Amino acid sequence: MSQKVSVRLTVNGKAYERRVEPRYLLADFLRHEIGLKGTHIGCEHGVCGACTVMIDGRTARSCLHFAAAVDGAEITTVEGLASEDRLNPIQQAFHEHHALQCGYCTPGFLMTVTEFLQRNPSPSRDEIRIALTNNICRCTGYANIIEAVAAAADAMRGQAGRS
């Protein structure tokens, strides 16, 4: 029998503490321990990007991190992007530009784009393409995703100008 460890995480602004096996993956913690199903598990090798979350403000593959290894961290999942009554600009742009089909990869793309636009609020189309290379979508040709990211960047710059 494996010994369990206590893991304390703040996820989308809410504190959680659970006892889990040391080898328990962060993706499983999010999905099974606290019920956040938006973080999808695709390849379980860190290649596809479907499990992307933010750990202390930086994107990371939750299928490659043990929950115990990030004890005390601030985690943001796709559920933490929108407010209660509205989508954030990136989510809205993905919706308006039809940047998803089956939606399985979408949470990972949204998290990747969130960090990318924080670092580069005025990206070129080439910079957007490069930023998206770490996420795999098997349904689209990426054209709509690129358009959505560009539109989100424009919308976010517009919001910043009004602040």
N, C-alpha and C. Protein backbone atom coordinates (compact mmCIF):
# COMPACT_ATOMS: atom_id res chain seq x y z
N MET A 1 0.84 -1.17 0.00
CA MET A 1 0.00 0.00 0.00
C MET A 1 0.89 1.24 0.00
N SER A 2 0.56 2.17 -0.85
CA SER A 2 1.33 3.40 -0.99
C SER A 2 0.93 4.40 0.08
N GLN A 3 1.91 5.10 0.61
CA GLN A 3 1.66 6.14 1.59
C GLN A 3 1.13 7.38 0.89
N LYS A 4 0.14 8.02 1.47
CA LYS A 4 -0.42 9.22 0.87
C LYS A 4 0.24 10.45 1.47
N VAL A 5 0.24 11.51 0.67
CA VAL A 5 0.80 12.79 1.10
C VAL A 5 -0.29 13.85 1.01
N SER A 6 -0.15 14.87 1.80
CA SER A 6 -1.09 15.98 1.77
C SER A 6 -0.65 16.96 0.69
N VAL A 7 -1.61 17.37 -0.13
CA VAL A 7 -1.35 18.34 -1.20
C VAL A 7 -2.31 19.50 -1.02
N ARG A 8 -1.74 20.70 -0.98
CA ARG A 8 -2.52 21.92 -0.87
C ARG A 8 -2.27 22.76 -2.12
N LEU A 9 -3.34 23.03 -2.84
CA LEU A 9 -3.25 23.84 -4.05
C LEU A 9 -4.34 24.90 -4.04
N THR A 10 -4.04 26.02 -4.64
CA THR A 10 -5.07 27.03 -4.89
C THR A 10 -5.39 26.92 -6.37
N VAL A 11 -6.62 26.57 -6.67
CA VAL A 11 -7.04 26.35 -8.05
C VAL A 11 -8.14 27.35 -8.39
N ASN A 12 -7.84 28.19 -9.37
CA ASN A 12 -8.78 29.23 -9.80
C ASN A 12 -9.24 30.08 -8.61
N GLY A 13 -8.30 30.36 -7.70
CA GLY A 13 -8.58 31.22 -6.56
C GLY A 13 -9.16 30.53 -5.34
N LYS A 14 -9.43 29.24 -5.41
CA LYS A 14 -10.02 28.51 -4.29
C LYS A 14 -9.01 27.50 -3.74
N ALA A 15 -8.88 27.44 -2.43
CA ALA A 15 -7.92 26.53 -1.79
C ALA A 15 -8.51 25.12 -1.68
N TYR A 16 -7.66 24.14 -1.96
CA TYR A 16 -8.03 22.73 -1.85
C TYR A 16 -6.91 21.99 -1.13
N GLU A 17 -7.29 21.02 -0.33
CA GLU A 17 -6.31 20.13 0.28
C GLU A 17 -6.84 18.71 0.19
N ARG A 18 -6.01 17.82 -0.28
CA ARG A 18 -6.37 16.41 -0.42
C ARG A 18 -5.17 15.55 -0.04
N ARG A 19 -5.44 14.32 0.33
CA ARG A 19 -4.38 13.34 0.55
C ARG A 19 -4.39 12.40 -0.64
N VAL A 20 -3.25 12.33 -1.31
CA VAL A 20 -3.14 11.52 -2.52
C VAL A 20 -1.81 10.77 -2.51
N GLU A 21 -1.72 9.77 -3.37
CA GLU A 21 -0.46 9.07 -3.54
C GLU A 21 0.57 10.03 -4.16
N PRO A 22 1.84 9.89 -3.80
CA PRO A 22 2.87 10.79 -4.34
C PRO A 22 2.95 10.79 -5.86
N ARG A 23 2.55 9.70 -6.49
CA ARG A 23 2.64 9.60 -7.96
C ARG A 23 1.38 10.09 -8.68
N TYR A 24 0.43 10.65 -7.94
CA TYR A 24 -0.84 11.11 -8.51
C TYR A 24 -0.58 12.33 -9.39
N LEU A 25 -1.01 12.29 -10.63
CA LEU A 25 -0.77 13.38 -11.56
C LEU A 25 -1.66 14.58 -11.28
N LEU A 26 -1.14 15.76 -11.57
CA LEU A 26 -1.91 16.99 -11.40
C LEU A 26 -3.19 16.94 -12.22
N ALA A 27 -3.13 16.42 -13.44
CA ALA A 27 -4.33 16.32 -14.28
C ALA A 27 -5.40 15.49 -13.59
N ASP A 28 -5.01 14.39 -12.98
CA ASP A 28 -5.96 13.54 -12.26
C ASP A 28 -6.48 14.24 -11.01
N PHE A 29 -5.63 14.96 -10.31
CA PHE A 29 -6.06 15.74 -9.14
C PHE A 29 -7.16 16.71 -9.54
N LEU A 30 -6.92 17.45 -10.61
CA LEU A 30 -7.90 18.45 -11.07
C LEU A 30 -9.22 17.79 -11.48
N ARG A 31 -9.12 16.73 -12.22
CA ARG A 31 -10.32 16.08 -12.75
C ARG A 31 -11.06 15.26 -11.70
N HIS A 32 -10.34 14.46 -10.93
CA HIS A 32 -10.98 13.48 -10.06
C HIS A 32 -11.11 13.90 -8.61
N GLU A 33 -10.17 14.70 -8.13
CA GLU A 33 -10.24 15.13 -6.73
C GLU A 33 -11.12 16.36 -6.54
N ILE A 34 -11.05 17.31 -7.49
CA ILE A 34 -11.85 18.53 -7.29
C ILE A 34 -12.90 18.74 -8.38
N GLY A 35 -12.99 17.82 -9.33
CA GLY A 35 -14.10 17.81 -10.28
C GLY A 35 -14.04 18.80 -11.42
N LEU A 36 -12.85 19.32 -11.73
CA LEU A 36 -12.72 20.24 -12.85
C LEU A 36 -12.38 19.45 -14.11
N LYS A 37 -13.36 19.24 -14.95
CA LYS A 37 -13.21 18.36 -16.11
C LYS A 37 -12.72 19.06 -17.36
N GLY A 38 -12.48 20.37 -17.31
CA GLY A 38 -12.02 21.11 -18.48
C GLY A 38 -10.61 20.77 -18.90
N THR A 39 -9.79 20.34 -17.97
CA THR A 39 -8.43 19.92 -18.30
C THR A 39 -8.51 18.53 -18.88
N HIS A 40 -8.24 18.42 -20.18
CA HIS A 40 -8.38 17.13 -20.86
C HIS A 40 -7.06 16.39 -20.90
N ILE A 41 -7.16 15.08 -20.88
CA ILE A 41 -5.98 14.23 -20.97
C ILE A 41 -6.00 13.58 -22.34
N GLY A 42 -4.98 13.88 -23.13
CA GLY A 42 -4.91 13.35 -24.49
C GLY A 42 -3.87 12.27 -24.61
N CYS A 43 -2.64 12.68 -24.73
CA CYS A 43 -1.56 11.73 -25.01
C CYS A 43 -0.89 11.17 -23.77
N GLU A 44 -1.00 11.84 -22.64
CA GLU A 44 -0.33 11.48 -21.38
C GLU A 44 1.19 11.46 -21.50
N HIS A 45 1.72 12.17 -22.48
CA HIS A 45 3.18 12.28 -22.67
C HIS A 45 3.63 13.73 -22.79
N GLY A 46 2.72 14.68 -22.64
CA GLY A 46 3.07 16.09 -22.74
C GLY A 46 3.22 16.61 -24.15
N VAL A 47 2.76 15.85 -25.13
CA VAL A 47 2.95 16.22 -26.53
C VAL A 47 1.76 17.01 -27.08
N CYS A 48 0.55 16.63 -26.75
CA CYS A 48 -0.62 17.20 -27.42
C CYS A 48 -1.07 18.54 -26.87
N GLY A 49 -0.84 18.81 -25.61
CA GLY A 49 -1.22 20.08 -25.02
C GLY A 49 -2.63 20.17 -24.48
N ALA A 50 -3.42 19.12 -24.59
CA ALA A 50 -4.81 19.17 -24.12
C ALA A 50 -4.91 19.39 -22.61
N CYS A 51 -3.88 19.02 -21.88
CA CYS A 51 -3.90 19.12 -20.41
C CYS A 51 -3.23 20.39 -19.89
N THR A 52 -2.98 21.35 -20.76
CA THR A 52 -2.26 22.56 -20.36
C THR A 52 -3.04 23.37 -19.32
N VAL A 53 -2.35 23.72 -18.25
CA VAL A 53 -2.86 24.60 -17.20
C VAL A 53 -1.76 25.62 -16.91
N MET A 54 -2.05 26.54 -16.02
CA MET A 54 -1.01 27.46 -15.56
C MET A 54 -0.65 27.09 -14.13
N ILE A 55 0.64 26.96 -13.90
CA ILE A 55 1.16 26.73 -12.56
C ILE A 55 1.96 27.97 -12.19
N ASP A 56 1.48 28.68 -11.19
CA ASP A 56 2.12 29.94 -10.77
C ASP A 56 2.34 30.87 -11.96
N GLY A 57 1.33 30.96 -12.82
CA GLY A 57 1.35 31.92 -13.92
C GLY A 57 2.05 31.48 -15.19
N ARG A 58 2.56 30.27 -15.22
CA ARG A 58 3.26 29.77 -16.42
C ARG A 58 2.56 28.49 -16.91
N THR A 59 2.42 28.37 -18.22
CA THR A 59 1.77 27.17 -18.75
C THR A 59 2.62 25.95 -18.49
N ALA A 60 1.92 24.84 -18.26
CA ALA A 60 2.58 23.56 -18.00
C ALA A 60 1.62 22.44 -18.36
N ARG A 61 2.18 21.30 -18.66
CA ARG A 61 1.38 20.11 -18.96
C ARG A 61 1.04 19.41 -17.64
N SER A 62 -0.22 19.37 -17.31
CA SER A 62 -0.62 18.77 -16.04
C SER A 62 -0.47 17.25 -16.03
N CYS A 63 -0.31 16.65 -17.21
CA CYS A 63 -0.08 15.19 -17.25
C CYS A 63 1.37 14.84 -16.95
N LEU A 64 2.25 15.84 -16.86
CA LEU A 64 3.66 15.60 -16.59
C LEU A 64 4.07 16.02 -15.18
N HIS A 65 3.15 16.57 -14.40
CA HIS A 65 3.46 17.03 -13.06
C HIS A 65 2.73 16.20 -12.03
N PHE A 66 3.44 15.79 -11.02
CA PHE A 66 2.78 15.14 -9.88
C PHE A 66 2.15 16.23 -9.03
N ALA A 67 0.96 15.97 -8.53
CA ALA A 67 0.27 16.94 -7.69
C ALA A 67 1.14 17.31 -6.48
N ALA A 68 1.78 16.31 -5.88
CA ALA A 68 2.62 16.57 -4.70
C ALA A 68 3.80 17.47 -5.03
N ALA A 69 4.29 17.43 -6.25
CA ALA A 69 5.44 18.24 -6.64
C ALA A 69 5.09 19.71 -6.77
N VAL A 70 3.82 20.02 -6.93
CA VAL A 70 3.40 21.43 -7.04
C VAL A 70 2.62 21.87 -5.81
N ASP A 71 2.80 21.15 -4.71
CA ASP A 71 2.16 21.51 -3.45
C ASP A 71 2.41 22.98 -3.15
N GLY A 72 1.34 23.69 -2.82
CA GLY A 72 1.44 25.11 -2.50
C GLY A 72 1.30 26.03 -3.70
N ALA A 73 1.20 25.50 -4.88
CA ALA A 73 1.15 26.32 -6.10
C ALA A 73 -0.23 26.92 -6.34
N GLU A 74 -0.23 27.93 -7.17
CA GLU A 74 -1.45 28.56 -7.68
C GLU A 74 -1.68 27.99 -9.08
N ILE A 75 -2.79 27.30 -9.26
CA ILE A 75 -3.12 26.65 -10.53
C ILE A 75 -4.29 27.40 -11.16
N THR A 76 -4.18 27.66 -12.45
CA THR A 76 -5.32 28.20 -13.19
C THR A 76 -5.67 27.21 -14.28
N THR A 77 -6.94 26.84 -14.33
CA THR A 77 -7.44 25.94 -15.36
C THR A 77 -8.36 26.72 -16.28
N VAL A 78 -8.81 26.08 -17.32
CA VAL A 78 -9.70 26.74 -18.27
C VAL A 78 -10.97 27.24 -17.58
N GLU A 79 -11.40 26.57 -16.53
CA GLU A 79 -12.59 27.02 -15.79
C GLU A 79 -12.35 28.37 -15.11
N GLY A 80 -11.10 28.73 -14.90
CA GLY A 80 -10.77 29.98 -14.24
C GLY A 80 -10.64 31.17 -15.17
N LEU A 81 -10.83 30.97 -16.46
CA LEU A 81 -10.65 32.07 -17.42
C LEU A 81 -11.85 33.01 -17.51
N ALA A 82 -13.04 32.48 -17.48
CA ALA A 82 -14.25 33.29 -17.65
C ALA A 82 -14.74 33.81 -16.32
N SER A 83 -15.45 34.92 -16.35
CA SER A 83 -16.16 35.38 -15.16
C SER A 83 -17.49 34.62 -15.12
N GLU A 84 -18.25 34.84 -14.09
CA GLU A 84 -19.50 34.09 -13.95
C GLU A 84 -20.48 34.36 -15.08
N ASP A 85 -20.45 35.56 -15.64
CA ASP A 85 -21.48 35.91 -16.62
C ASP A 85 -20.97 36.17 -18.03
N ARG A 86 -19.65 36.02 -18.26
CA ARG A 86 -19.16 36.28 -19.61
C ARG A 86 -17.84 35.56 -19.87
N LEU A 87 -17.67 35.24 -21.15
CA LEU A 87 -16.42 34.63 -21.59
C LEU A 87 -15.32 35.68 -21.55
N ASN A 88 -14.07 35.24 -21.40
CA ASN A 88 -12.99 36.21 -21.50
C ASN A 88 -12.73 36.47 -22.99
N PRO A 89 -11.93 37.48 -23.35
CA PRO A 89 -11.75 37.83 -24.77
C PRO A 89 -11.20 36.69 -25.63
N ILE A 90 -10.37 35.86 -25.06
CA ILE A 90 -9.82 34.74 -25.84
C ILE A 90 -10.91 33.71 -26.13
N GLN A 91 -11.66 33.35 -25.11
CA GLN A 91 -12.77 32.41 -25.31
C GLN A 91 -13.78 32.97 -26.30
N GLN A 92 -14.09 34.26 -26.16
CA GLN A 92 -15.05 34.89 -27.06
C GLN A 92 -14.56 34.85 -28.50
N ALA A 93 -13.29 35.13 -28.69
CA ALA A 93 -12.72 35.11 -30.05
C ALA A 93 -12.74 33.70 -30.63
N PHE A 94 -12.44 32.69 -29.82
CA PHE A 94 -12.50 31.31 -30.32
C PHE A 94 -13.93 30.98 -30.75
N HIS A 95 -14.90 31.44 -29.99
CA HIS A 95 -16.31 31.21 -30.34
C HIS A 95 -16.68 31.95 -31.64
N GLU A 96 -16.35 33.21 -31.71
CA GLU A 96 -16.74 34.02 -32.86
C GLU A 96 -16.04 33.61 -34.15
N HIS A 97 -14.83 33.09 -34.06
CA HIS A 97 -14.06 32.73 -35.25
C HIS A 97 -14.08 31.23 -35.53
N HIS A 98 -14.98 30.51 -34.86
CA HIS A 98 -15.14 29.07 -35.08
C HIS A 98 -13.80 28.34 -34.98
N ALA A 99 -13.07 28.64 -33.91
CA ALA A 99 -11.72 28.10 -33.73
C ALA A 99 -11.73 26.78 -32.97
N LEU A 100 -12.82 26.07 -33.06
CA LEU A 100 -12.88 24.75 -32.44
C LEU A 100 -13.88 23.91 -33.21
N GLN A 101 -13.66 22.63 -33.16
CA GLN A 101 -14.64 21.73 -33.75
C GLN A 101 -15.12 20.78 -32.66
N CYS A 102 -14.37 19.73 -32.39
CA CYS A 102 -14.83 18.82 -31.34
C CYS A 102 -14.63 19.43 -29.96
N GLY A 103 -13.66 20.34 -29.81
CA GLY A 103 -13.43 21.04 -28.56
C GLY A 103 -12.49 20.36 -27.59
N TYR A 104 -12.03 19.17 -27.92
CA TYR A 104 -11.18 18.44 -26.96
C TYR A 104 -9.87 19.18 -26.69
N CYS A 105 -9.27 19.74 -27.71
CA CYS A 105 -7.99 20.44 -27.55
C CYS A 105 -8.16 21.87 -27.08
N THR A 106 -9.36 22.40 -27.15
CA THR A 106 -9.60 23.83 -26.92
C THR A 106 -9.12 24.32 -25.56
N PRO A 107 -9.37 23.62 -24.45
CA PRO A 107 -8.87 24.14 -23.18
C PRO A 107 -7.35 24.36 -23.17
N GLY A 108 -6.61 23.44 -23.75
CA GLY A 108 -5.16 23.60 -23.82
C GLY A 108 -4.74 24.78 -24.67
N PHE A 109 -5.43 24.96 -25.80
CA PHE A 109 -5.14 26.12 -26.63
C PHE A 109 -5.45 27.42 -25.88
N LEU A 110 -6.58 27.47 -25.19
CA LEU A 110 -6.96 28.68 -24.46
C LEU A 110 -5.92 29.03 -23.39
N MET A 111 -5.41 28.03 -22.69
CA MET A 111 -4.40 28.29 -21.66
C MET A 111 -3.08 28.73 -22.29
N THR A 112 -2.69 28.09 -23.37
CA THR A 112 -1.46 28.47 -24.07
C THR A 112 -1.55 29.91 -24.57
N VAL A 113 -2.68 30.25 -25.17
CA VAL A 113 -2.87 31.59 -25.73
C VAL A 113 -2.93 32.63 -24.61
N THR A 114 -3.49 32.28 -23.48
CA THR A 114 -3.55 33.21 -22.35
C THR A 114 -2.15 33.67 -21.96
N GLU A 115 -1.26 32.72 -21.74
CA GLU A 115 0.11 33.11 -21.38
C GLU A 115 0.80 33.84 -22.54
N PHE A 116 0.61 33.34 -23.75
CA PHE A 116 1.25 33.95 -24.91
C PHE A 116 0.88 35.42 -25.05
N LEU A 117 -0.41 35.73 -24.93
CA LEU A 117 -0.84 37.12 -25.11
C LEU A 117 -0.46 38.00 -23.92
N GLN A 118 -0.24 37.41 -22.77
CA GLN A 118 0.28 38.19 -21.65
C GLN A 118 1.72 38.63 -21.95
N ARG A 119 2.48 37.75 -22.57
CA ARG A 119 3.89 38.05 -22.90
C ARG A 119 4.01 38.88 -24.18
N ASN A 120 3.08 38.67 -25.12
CA ASN A 120 3.17 39.33 -26.42
C ASN A 120 1.77 39.83 -26.82
N PRO A 121 1.39 41.01 -26.36
CA PRO A 121 0.03 41.50 -26.63
C PRO A 121 -0.23 41.93 -28.08
N SER A 122 0.82 42.05 -28.88
CA SER A 122 0.65 42.46 -30.28
C SER A 122 1.40 41.51 -31.22
N PRO A 123 0.99 40.25 -31.25
CA PRO A 123 1.75 39.28 -32.04
C PRO A 123 1.47 39.36 -33.53
N SER A 124 2.47 39.01 -34.32
CA SER A 124 2.27 38.84 -35.76
C SER A 124 1.63 37.47 -35.98
N ARG A 125 1.13 37.22 -37.19
CA ARG A 125 0.56 35.91 -37.52
C ARG A 125 1.63 34.82 -37.38
N ASP A 126 2.87 35.11 -37.77
CA ASP A 126 3.94 34.12 -37.64
C ASP A 126 4.23 33.81 -36.17
N GLU A 127 4.22 34.83 -35.33
CA GLU A 127 4.44 34.59 -33.89
C GLU A 127 3.31 33.75 -33.30
N ILE A 128 2.09 33.99 -33.76
CA ILE A 128 0.96 33.19 -33.30
C ILE A 128 1.15 31.74 -33.72
N ARG A 129 1.51 31.51 -34.97
CA ARG A 129 1.73 30.14 -35.45
C ARG A 129 2.78 29.43 -34.61
N ILE A 130 3.87 30.11 -34.32
CA ILE A 130 4.94 29.51 -33.52
C ILE A 130 4.43 29.19 -32.11
N ALA A 131 3.68 30.10 -31.52
CA ALA A 131 3.16 29.89 -30.17
C ALA A 131 2.23 28.69 -30.09
N LEU A 132 1.55 28.38 -31.19
CA LEU A 132 0.58 27.28 -31.19
C LEU A 132 1.20 25.93 -31.53
N THR A 133 2.49 25.89 -31.83
CA THR A 133 3.10 24.63 -32.26
C THR A 133 3.14 23.56 -31.18
N ASN A 134 2.95 23.96 -29.93
CA ASN A 134 2.99 22.97 -28.84
C ASN A 134 1.63 22.38 -28.52
N ASN A 135 0.62 22.71 -29.30
CA ASN A 135 -0.71 22.16 -29.10
C ASN A 135 -1.17 21.51 -30.40
N ILE A 136 -1.80 20.37 -30.26
CA ILE A 136 -2.25 19.61 -31.42
C ILE A 136 -3.77 19.62 -31.50
N CYS A 137 -4.27 19.94 -32.67
CA CYS A 137 -5.69 19.82 -32.98
C CYS A 137 -5.80 18.89 -34.18
N ARG A 138 -6.64 17.90 -34.06
CA ARG A 138 -6.79 16.95 -35.16
C ARG A 138 -8.00 17.25 -36.03
N CYS A 139 -8.76 18.30 -35.67
CA CYS A 139 -9.98 18.60 -36.42
C CYS A 139 -9.85 19.76 -37.39
N THR A 140 -9.02 20.76 -37.04
CA THR A 140 -9.00 21.98 -37.84
C THR A 140 -7.69 22.11 -38.60
N GLY A 141 -7.65 23.05 -39.48
CA GLY A 141 -6.42 23.38 -40.19
C GLY A 141 -5.69 24.54 -39.53
N TYR A 142 -6.09 24.92 -38.34
CA TYR A 142 -5.48 25.97 -37.53
C TYR A 142 -5.76 27.38 -38.02
N ALA A 143 -6.26 27.58 -39.23
CA ALA A 143 -6.49 28.93 -39.75
C ALA A 143 -7.43 29.71 -38.84
N ASN A 144 -8.53 29.11 -38.41
CA ASN A 144 -9.47 29.81 -37.55
C ASN A 144 -8.90 30.06 -36.16
N ILE A 145 -8.06 29.17 -35.70
CA ILE A 145 -7.43 29.37 -34.39
C ILE A 145 -6.50 30.58 -34.46
N ILE A 146 -5.73 30.69 -35.52
CA ILE A 146 -4.83 31.83 -35.70
C ILE A 146 -5.63 33.13 -35.76
N GLU A 147 -6.74 33.12 -36.51
CA GLU A 147 -7.60 34.31 -36.59
C GLU A 147 -8.17 34.66 -35.23
N ALA A 148 -8.57 33.66 -34.47
CA ALA A 148 -9.14 33.90 -33.14
C ALA A 148 -8.10 34.53 -32.21
N VAL A 149 -6.87 34.05 -32.27
CA VAL A 149 -5.82 34.61 -31.41
C VAL A 149 -5.55 36.06 -31.78
N ALA A 150 -5.49 36.34 -33.07
CA ALA A 150 -5.27 37.72 -33.52
C ALA A 150 -6.43 38.62 -33.06
N ALA A 151 -7.65 38.14 -33.18
CA ALA A 151 -8.81 38.92 -32.75
C ALA A 151 -8.81 39.13 -31.24
N ALA A 152 -8.43 38.09 -30.50
CA ALA A 152 -8.35 38.22 -29.04
C ALA A 152 -7.31 39.25 -28.64
N ALA A 153 -6.17 39.24 -29.32
CA ALA A 153 -5.12 40.22 -29.03
C ALA A 153 -5.65 41.63 -29.27
N ASP A 154 -6.35 41.83 -30.39
CA ASP A 154 -6.93 43.14 -30.69
C ASP A 154 -7.92 43.55 -29.60
N ALA A 155 -8.79 42.63 -29.21
CA ALA A 155 -9.81 42.93 -28.20
C ALA A 155 -9.16 43.25 -26.85
N MET A 156 -8.13 42.52 -26.49
CA MET A 156 -7.48 42.75 -25.21
C MET A 156 -6.72 44.08 -25.19
N ARG A 157 -6.12 44.42 -26.30
CA ARG A 157 -5.46 45.74 -26.39
C ARG A 157 -6.50 46.85 -26.30
N GLY A 158 -7.66 46.64 -26.91
CA GLY A 158 -8.74 47.62 -26.83
C GLY A 158 -9.24 47.80 -25.41
N GLN A 159 -9.36 46.70 -24.67
CA GLN A 159 -9.79 46.77 -23.27
C GLN A 159 -8.75 47.49 -22.42
N ALA A 160 -7.47 47.22 -22.69
CA ALA A 160 -6.40 47.86 -21.93
C ALA A 160 -6.39 49.36 -22.18
N GLY A 161 -6.71 49.76 -23.40
CA GLY A 161 -6.76 51.18 -23.74
C GLY A 161 -7.89 51.91 -23.04
N ARG A 162 -8.96 51.18 -22.71
CA ARG A 162 -10.11 51.80 -22.05
C ARG A 162 -9.95 51.82 -20.53
N SER A 163 -8.98 51.09 -20.02
CA SER A 163 -8.81 51.00 -18.55
C SER A 163 -8.19 52.24 -17.98
